[in-house]
C-alpha atoms as a PDB file:
ATOM      1  CA  MET A   1     -87.450  22.274 -73.083  1.00  0.00           C
ATOM      2  CA  ARG A   2     -86.446  20.709 -76.908  1.00  0.00           C
ATOM      3  CA  HIS A   3     -88.862  18.479 -77.962  1.00  0.00           C
ATOM      4  CA  HIS A   4     -87.184  15.076 -78.909  1.00  0.00           C
ATOM      5  CA  GLY A   5     -88.445  14.819 -82.343  1.00  0.00           C
ATOM      6  CA  VAL A   6     -85.843  17.782 -83.080  1.00  0.00           C
ATOM      7  CA  THR A   7     -82.727  16.172 -81.791  1.00  0.00           C
ATOM      8  CA  ALA A   8     -82.977  12.556 -83.566  1.00  0.00           C
ATOM      9  CA  PRO A   9     -82.457  13.805 -87.116  1.00  0.00           C
ATOM     10  CA  SER A  10     -79.414  15.543 -85.746  1.00  0.00           C
ATOM     11  CA  GLN A  11     -78.269  12.356 -84.126  1.00  0.00           C
ATOM     12  CA  ARG A  12     -78.838  10.437 -87.865  1.00  0.00           C
ATOM     13  CA  THR A  13     -76.696  13.384 -89.315  1.00  0.00           C
ATOM     14  CA  ALA A  14     -74.259  13.173 -87.089  1.00  0.00           C
ATOM     15  CA  GLY A  15     -74.090   9.383 -87.750  1.00  0.00           C
ATOM     16  CA  GLN A  16     -74.015   9.272 -91.532  1.00  0.00           C
ATOM     17  CA  GLN A  17     -71.250  12.101 -91.361  1.00  0.00           C
ATOM     18  CA  ARG A  18     -69.037   9.830 -89.204  1.00  0.00           C
ATOM     19  CA  GLN A  19     -69.665   7.063 -91.696  1.00  0.00           C
ATOM     20  CA  ARG A  20     -68.926   9.178 -94.323  1.00  0.00           C
ATOM     21  CA  VAL A  21     -65.380  10.266 -92.315  1.00  0.00           C
ATOM     22  CA  LEU A  22     -64.789   6.474 -92.005  1.00  0.00           C
ATOM     23  CA  GLY A  23     -65.291   5.689 -95.708  1.00  0.00           C
ATOM     24  CA  LEU A  24     -62.843   8.528 -96.702  1.00  0.00           C
ATOM     25  CA  LEU A  25     -60.249   7.121 -94.748  1.00  0.00           C
ATOM     26  CA  GLN A  26     -60.959   3.702 -96.069  1.00  0.00           C
ATOM     27  CA  THR A  27     -60.418   4.996 -99.417  1.00  0.00           C
ATOM     28  CA  ALA A  28     -57.276   7.441 -98.563  1.00  0.00           C
ATOM     29  CA  ALA A  29     -53.926   6.700-100.425  1.00  0.00           C
ATOM     30  CA  GLY A  30     -52.529   7.675 -96.777  1.00  0.00           C
ATOM     31  CA  PRO A  31     -52.817   9.191 -93.597  1.00  0.00           C
ATOM     32  CA  VAL A  32     -55.180  12.371 -93.868  1.00  0.00           C
ATOM     33  CA  ASP A  33     -55.635  15.240 -91.203  1.00  0.00           C
ATOM     34  CA  ALA A  34     -58.989  16.900 -90.146  1.00  0.00           C
ATOM     35  CA  GLN A  35     -58.577  19.873 -92.770  1.00  0.00           C
ATOM     36  CA  HIS A  36     -58.374  17.629 -95.581  1.00  0.00           C
ATOM     37  CA  VAL A  37     -61.612  15.617 -94.375  1.00  0.00           C
ATOM     38  CA  ALA A  38     -63.179  19.105 -93.939  1.00  0.00           C
ATOM     39  CA  ASP A  39     -62.533  19.875 -97.491  1.00  0.00           C
ATOM     40  CA  GLU A  40     -63.435  16.642 -99.348  1.00  0.00           C
ATOM     41  CA  LEU A  41     -66.516  16.351 -97.431  1.00  0.00           C
ATOM     42  CA  ARG A  42     -67.570  20.108 -96.755  1.00  0.00           C
ATOM     43  CA  ILE A  43     -68.215  20.277 -93.209  1.00  0.00           C
ATOM     44  CA  HIS A  44     -66.234  22.562 -90.838  1.00  0.00           C
ATOM     45  CA  VAL A  45     -63.004  21.506 -89.644  1.00  0.00           C
ATOM     46  CA  THR A  46     -63.951  21.338 -85.782  1.00  0.00           C
ATOM     47  CA  THR A  47     -66.958  18.941 -86.962  1.00  0.00           C
ATOM     48  CA  ALA A  48     -63.978  16.834 -88.942  1.00  0.00           C
ATOM     49  CA  ARG A  49     -61.979  16.521 -85.817  1.00  0.00           C
ATOM     50  CA  PHE A  50     -64.763  15.781 -83.521  1.00  0.00           C
ATOM     51  CA  HIS A  51     -65.798  12.491 -85.786  1.00  0.00           C
ATOM     52  CA  LEU A  52     -61.918  11.670 -86.279  1.00  0.00           C
ATOM     53  CA  THR A  53     -61.696  11.643 -82.338  1.00  0.00           C
ATOM     54  CA  ALA A  54     -64.709   9.453 -82.110  1.00  0.00           C
ATOM     55  CA  LEU A  55     -63.461   6.989 -84.741  1.00  0.00           C
ATOM     56  CA  GLU A  56     -60.359   6.862 -82.566  1.00  0.00           C
ATOM     57  CA  ASP A  57     -61.729   6.049 -79.308  1.00  0.00           C
ATOM     58  CA  GLN A  58     -63.760   3.239 -81.190  1.00  0.00           C
ATOM     59  CA  GLY A  59     -60.549   1.953 -82.287  1.00  0.00           C
ATOM     60  CA  LEU A  60     -61.546   2.089 -86.025  1.00  0.00           C
ATOM     61  CA  ILE A  61     -58.423   4.512 -86.594  1.00  0.00           C
ATOM     62  CA  ARG A  62     -55.210   5.432 -85.382  1.00  0.00           C
ATOM     63  CA  ARG A  63     -52.842   8.563 -85.366  1.00  0.00           C
ATOM     64  CA  GLY A  64     -50.698   8.668 -88.484  1.00  0.00           C
ATOM     65  CA  GLY A  65     -47.609  10.208 -89.331  1.00  0.00           C
ATOM     66  CA  GLY A  66     -48.025  14.020 -89.054  1.00  0.00           C
ATOM     67  CA  ILE A  67     -47.917  16.257 -92.062  1.00  0.00           C
ATOM     68  CA  LYS A  68     -45.262  18.960 -91.807  1.00  0.00           C
ATOM     69  CA  ALA A  69     -47.075  22.308 -91.697  1.00  0.00           C
ATOM     70  CA  ALA A  70     -45.862  25.510 -94.031  1.00  0.00           C
ATOM     71  CA  GLY A  71     -43.359  27.301 -92.296  1.00  0.00           C
ATOM     72  CA  ALA A  72     -42.237  26.735 -88.436  1.00  0.00           C
ATOM     73  CA  GLY A  73     -45.404  25.509 -87.074  1.00  0.00           C
ATOM     74  CA  ARG A  74     -45.930  21.844 -85.555  1.00  0.00           C
ATOM     75  CA  PRO A  75     -46.789  18.887 -87.609  1.00  0.00           C
ATOM     76  CA  ARG A  76     -50.809  18.599 -88.281  1.00  0.00           C
ATOM     77  CA  LEU A  77     -51.998  15.748 -86.740  1.00  0.00           C
ATOM     78  CA  THR A  78     -53.328  12.817 -89.049  1.00  0.00           C
ATOM     79  CA  TYR A  79     -55.581   9.595 -89.162  1.00  0.00           C
ATOM     80  CA  GLU A  80     -55.171   6.243 -90.988  1.00  0.00           C
ATOM     81  CA  LEU A  81     -57.356   3.060 -90.413  1.00  0.00           C
ATOM     82  CA  ALA A  82     -56.509   1.087 -87.304  1.00  0.00           C
ATOM     83  CA  PRO A  83     -54.894  -2.617 -88.585  1.00  0.00           C
ATOM     84  CA  SER A  84     -57.678  -5.398 -87.760  1.00  0.00           C
ATOM     85  CA  LEU A  85     -57.551  -9.176 -87.755  1.00  0.00           C
ATOM     86  CA  ASP A  86     -60.774 -10.489 -87.215  1.00  0.00           C
ATOM     87  CA  TYR A  87     -61.623 -14.262 -86.131  1.00  0.00           C
ATOM     88  CA  ALA A  88     -62.917 -15.221 -89.555  1.00  0.00           C
ATOM     89  CA  ASP A  89     -59.462 -13.989 -91.182  1.00  0.00           C
ATOM     90  CA  ILE A  90     -57.424 -15.879 -88.300  1.00  0.00           C
ATOM     91  CA  VAL A  91     -59.023 -19.298 -89.338  1.00  0.00           C
ATOM     92  CA  SER A  92     -58.876 -18.721 -93.104  1.00  0.00           C
ATOM     93  CA  LEU A  93     -54.824 -18.141 -92.354  1.00  0.00           C
ATOM     94  CA  PHE A  94     -54.855 -21.568 -90.447  1.00  0.00           C
ATOM     95  CA  ALA A  95     -56.870 -23.087 -92.634  1.00  0.00           C
ATOM     96  CA  ALA A  96     -54.520 -22.284 -95.437  1.00  0.00           C
ATOM     97  CA  HIS A  97     -51.327 -23.082 -93.806  1.00  0.00           C
ATOM     98  CA  LEU A  98     -52.070 -26.356 -91.441  1.00  0.00           C
ATOM     99  CA  GLY A  99     -51.052 -28.877 -94.473  1.00  0.00           C
ATOM    100  CA  GLY A 100     -51.377 -32.710 -93.767  1.00  0.00           C
ATOM    101  CA  THR A 101     -54.482 -35.060 -93.961  1.00  0.00           C
ATOM    102  CA  ALA A 102     -58.133 -33.714 -93.287  1.00  0.00           C
ATOM    103  CA  SER A 103     -57.715 -35.546 -89.282  1.00  0.00           C
ATOM    104  CA  GLU A 104     -54.579 -33.851 -88.533  1.00  0.00           C
ATOM    105  CA  ARG A 105     -55.529 -30.643 -89.345  1.00  0.00           C
ATOM    106  CA  GLU A 106     -58.675 -31.296 -87.363  1.00  0.00           C
ATOM    107  CA  ARG A 107     -55.962 -32.457 -84.391  1.00  0.00           C
ATOM    108  CA  ARG A 108     -53.637 -29.175 -84.567  1.00  0.00           C
ATOM    109  CA  ALA A 109     -56.955 -27.099 -85.088  1.00  0.00           C
ATOM    110  CA  LEU A 110     -58.210 -28.279 -81.771  1.00  0.00           C
ATOM    111  CA  ARG A 111     -54.908 -27.240 -79.954  1.00  0.00           C
ATOM    112  CA  ILE A 112     -55.263 -24.055 -82.018  1.00  0.00           C
ATOM    113  CA  GLY A 113     -58.443 -23.057 -80.577  1.00  0.00           C
ATOM    114  CA  ALA A 114     -57.550 -24.014 -77.072  1.00  0.00           C
ATOM    115  CA  ASP A 115     -54.682 -21.563 -77.223  1.00  0.00           C
ATOM    116  CA  LEU A 116     -56.574 -18.818 -79.413  1.00  0.00           C
ATOM    117  CA  ALA A 117     -59.451 -18.921 -76.483  1.00  0.00           C
ATOM    118  CA  HIS A 118     -56.721 -17.375 -74.315  1.00  0.00           C
ATOM    119  CA  ARG A 119     -54.997 -15.256 -76.593  1.00  0.00           C
ATOM    120  CA  VAL A 120     -58.298 -13.558 -77.287  1.00  0.00           C
ATOM    121  CA  ARG A 121     -59.012 -13.863 -73.390  1.00  0.00           C
ATOM    122  CA  VAL A 122     -62.416 -15.616 -73.495  1.00  0.00           C
ATOM    123  CA  ALA A 123     -60.638 -18.635 -71.731  1.00  0.00           C
ATOM    124  CA  ARG A 124     -60.981 -16.870 -67.945  1.00  0.00           C
ATOM    125  CA  ALA A 125     -63.081 -17.095 -64.688  1.00  0.00           C
ATOM    126  CA  ARG A 126     -66.322 -15.995 -65.889  1.00  0.00           C
ATOM    127  CA  GLU A 127     -69.529 -15.029 -64.465  1.00  0.00           C
ATOM    128  CA  GLU A 128     -72.087 -17.507 -65.613  1.00  0.00           C
ATOM    129  CA  THR A 129     -72.859 -20.393 -63.551  1.00  0.00           C
ATOM    130  CA  THR A 130     -74.647 -22.843 -66.248  1.00  0.00           C
ATOM    131  CA  ILE A 131     -73.096 -24.110 -68.968  1.00  0.00           C
ATOM    132  CA  ALA A 132     -75.646 -22.689 -71.691  1.00  0.00           C
ATOM    133  CA  ASP A 133     -75.069 -19.302 -70.492  1.00  0.00           C
ATOM    134  CA  LEU A 134     -71.281 -19.489 -70.287  1.00  0.00           C
ATOM    135  CA  VAL A 135     -71.148 -21.015 -74.003  1.00  0.00           C
ATOM    136  CA  VAL A 136     -73.515 -18.178 -75.352  1.00  0.00           C
ATOM    137  CA  ALA A 137     -71.612 -15.342 -73.463  1.00  0.00           C
ATOM    138  CA  THR A 138     -68.316 -16.712 -75.053  1.00  0.00           C
ATOM    139  CA  LEU A 139     -69.771 -17.004 -78.497  1.00  0.00           C
ATOM    140  CA  GLY A 140     -71.196 -13.600 -78.288  1.00  0.00           C
ATOM    141  CA  GLU A 141     -67.755 -12.280 -77.216  1.00  0.00           C
ATOM    142  CA  LEU A 142     -66.602 -13.673 -80.553  1.00  0.00           C
ATOM    143  CA  GLY A 143     -69.158 -12.198 -82.547  1.00  0.00           C
ATOM    144  CA  PHE A 144     -71.185 -15.344 -83.150  1.00  0.00           C
ATOM    145  CA  GLN A 145     -75.001 -15.456 -82.205  1.00  0.00           C
ATOM    146  CA  ALA A 146     -76.495 -18.562 -80.698  1.00  0.00           C
ATOM    147  CA  HIS A 147     -80.226 -18.405 -81.763  1.00  0.00           C
ATOM    148  CA  SER A 148     -81.424 -21.691 -80.088  1.00  0.00           C
ATOM    149  CA  VAL A 149     -80.503 -23.488 -76.895  1.00  0.00           C
ATOM    150  CA  LEU A 150     -82.071 -27.073 -76.284  1.00  0.00           C
ATOM    151  CA  ASN A 151     -81.815 -28.558 -72.956  1.00  0.00           C
ATOM    152  CA  SER A 152     -82.165 -32.568 -73.041  1.00  0.00           C
ATOM    153  CA  PHE A 153     -81.009 -35.126 -69.762  1.00  0.00           C
ATOM    154  CA  ASP A 154     -78.097 -32.573 -68.799  1.00  0.00           C
ATOM    155  CA  GLU A 155     -76.823 -32.182 -72.253  1.00  0.00           C
ATOM    156  CA  VAL A 156     -77.264 -29.108 -74.066  1.00  0.00           C
ATOM    157  CA  THR A 157     -77.263 -28.486 -77.998  1.00  0.00           C
ATOM    158  CA  LEU A 158     -76.563 -24.636 -79.420  1.00  0.00           C
ATOM    159  CA  LYS A 159     -77.746 -23.725 -82.846  1.00  0.00           C
ATOM    160  CA  ILE A 160     -75.247 -21.010 -83.852  1.00  0.00           C
ATOM    161  CA  CYS A 161     -74.683 -18.603 -86.934  1.00  0.00           C
ATOM    162  CA  THR A 162     -71.321 -19.165 -88.196  1.00  0.00           C
ATOM    163  CA  CYS A 163     -71.891 -16.727 -91.343  1.00  0.00           C
ATOM    164  CA  PRO A 164     -68.396 -15.195 -90.845  1.00  0.00           C
ATOM    165  CA  LEU A 165     -66.669 -18.460 -91.457  1.00  0.00           C
ATOM    166  CA  ALA A 166     -69.005 -19.992 -93.657  1.00  0.00           C
ATOM    167  CA  GLU A 167     -66.712 -19.504 -96.587  1.00  0.00           C
ATOM    168  CA  VAL A 168     -63.844 -21.128 -94.807  1.00  0.00           C
ATOM    169  CA  ALA A 169     -66.149 -23.852 -93.781  1.00  0.00           C
ATOM    170  CA  ALA A 170     -66.832 -24.527 -97.361  1.00  0.00           C
ATOM    171  CA  THR A 171     -63.346 -25.841 -97.873  1.00  0.00           C
ATOM    172  CA  ALA A 172     -61.874 -26.551 -94.463  1.00  0.00           C
ATOM    173  CA  PRO A 173     -64.604 -27.769 -92.721  1.00  0.00           C
ATOM    174  CA  GLU A 174     -62.086 -29.845 -90.347  1.00  0.00           C
ATOM    175  CA  VAL A 175     -60.365 -26.689 -89.392  1.00  0.00           C
ATOM    176  CA  VAL A 176     -63.386 -24.526 -88.580  1.00  0.00           C
ATOM    177  CA  ARG A 177     -64.874 -27.632 -86.670  1.00  0.00           C
ATOM    178  CA  GLY A 178     -61.695 -28.163 -84.537  1.00  0.00           C
ATOM    179  CA  ILE A 179     -60.826 -24.745 -83.554  1.00  0.00           C
ATOM    180  CA  GLN A 180     -64.612 -24.107 -82.609  1.00  0.00           C
ATOM    181  CA  GLN A 181     -64.314 -27.478 -80.579  1.00  0.00           C
ATOM    182  CA  GLY A 182     -60.894 -26.604 -79.095  1.00  0.00           C
ATOM    183  CA  LEU A 183     -61.493 -22.846 -78.154  1.00  0.00           C
ATOM    184  CA  ILE A 184     -65.392 -23.706 -75.971  1.00  0.00           C
ATOM    185  CA  GLN A 185     -63.738 -26.806 -74.439  1.00  0.00           C
ATOM    186  CA  GLU A 186     -60.962 -24.564 -73.067  1.00  0.00           C
ATOM    187  CA  VAL A 187     -63.702 -22.375 -71.738  1.00  0.00           C
ATOM    188  CA  ILE A 188     -65.353 -24.884 -70.421  1.00  0.00           C
ATOM    189  CA  ASP A 189     -62.580 -26.421 -68.804  1.00  0.00           C
ATOM    190  CA  CYS A 190     -61.451 -23.150 -66.976  1.00  0.00           C
ATOM    191  CA  ASN A 191     -65.264 -22.739 -65.438  1.00  0.00           C
ATOM    192  CA  VAL A 192     -65.536 -26.302 -63.990  1.00  0.00           C
ATOM    193  CA  SER A 193     -66.024 -25.446 -60.690  1.00  0.00           C
ATOM    194  CA  ALA A 194     -68.516 -22.447 -61.428  1.00  0.00           C
ATOM    195  CA  THR A 195     -70.746 -24.686 -63.971  1.00  0.00           C
ATOM    196  CA  GLY A 196     -70.165 -27.763 -61.380  1.00  0.00           C
ATOM    197  CA  ALA A 197     -69.559 -30.433 -63.935  1.00  0.00           C
ATOM    198  CA  ARG A 198     -67.245 -31.232 -66.898  1.00  0.00           C
ATOM    199  CA  TYR A 199     -68.472 -31.147 -70.119  1.00  0.00           C
ATOM    200  CA  ARG A 200     -67.353 -32.181 -73.295  1.00  0.00           C
ATOM    201  CA  VAL A 201     -67.889 -30.124 -76.886  1.00  0.00           C
ATOM    202  CA  VAL A 202     -68.653 -31.714 -79.799  1.00  0.00           C
ATOM    203  CA  VAL A 203     -69.222 -29.529 -83.087  1.00  0.00           C
ATOM    204  CA  THR A 204     -71.531 -30.647 -85.902  1.00  0.00           C
ATOM    205  CA  PRO A 205     -71.238 -28.707 -89.123  1.00  0.00           C
ATOM    206  CA  ASP A 206     -74.179 -27.833 -91.131  1.00  0.00           C
ATOM    207  CA  ALA A 207     -75.266 -30.149 -93.251  1.00  0.00           C
ATOM    208  CA  ARG A 208     -75.305 -28.022 -96.398  1.00  0.00           C
ATOM    209  CA  ALA A 209     -71.493 -27.896 -96.315  1.00  0.00           C
ATOM    210  CA  GLY A 210     -70.511 -24.425 -95.171  1.00  0.00           C
ATOM    211  CA  GLY A 211     -73.732 -23.142 -94.527  1.00  0.00           C
ATOM    212  CA  CYS A 212     -74.529 -20.531 -91.779  1.00  0.00           C
ATOM    213  CA  GLU A 213     -75.383 -22.980 -88.969  1.00  0.00           C
ATOM    214  CA  VAL A 214     -73.419 -25.177 -86.434  1.00  0.00           C
ATOM    215  CA  SER A 215     -74.564 -27.045 -83.931  1.00  0.00           C
ATOM    216  CA  LEU A 216     -72.408 -27.302 -80.707  1.00  0.00           C
ATOM    217  CA  THR A 217     -73.488 -30.138 -78.183  1.00  0.00           C
ATOM    218  CA  LEU A 218     -71.949 -30.174 -74.624  1.00  0.00           C
ATOM    219  CA  GLN A 219     -72.213 -33.396 -73.233  1.00  0.00           C
ATOM    220  CA  PRO A 220     -71.635 -34.313 -69.127  1.00  0.00           C
ATOM    221  CA  ILE A 221     -68.968 -36.302 -68.945  1.00  0.00           C
END
């Protein structure tokens, strides 16, 4: 039987190799094949294929156009980075193009947040039955962390870390506030039967104007 202390280093090595493979694709001028990865990183081509397949399964890379092989062989399979657009990117684009006054931008951002909740499929019938669990689970799916939850007379206040949006919030706090409020409100409204009551979301930005922490207050209606 192999001792656990022997397998752990190999797992760490595999993880480090995979990060090197991902880094190579991030800096490549175009799609690359397994042989190119193997040559550049000085690993066996089978190992390169293993890491490329794992990265593809994780959604980090995708198959690119094939490289024509010499002679009559089939084109070699290539890989490239998968395109991605995260929540911070979306909010930044909204902030740049909404226009109008701050109050107008916030009203538009509320509607955008509600639509976004459906687009990213967080506005759905969910398993959570308490308002706090519902919102914490939703924030987790969106990549945010709730680091405190306070219950007081049926009102719930959550402190969340919005580091990915801190830079946007510094220049367009009304857009960040509106999108967060509209998105969470839509999720809550879709789950009234599960939570047993209606709630109104109030978003309070960090007093440091664009800092990391934001408060979400859920007030029973």
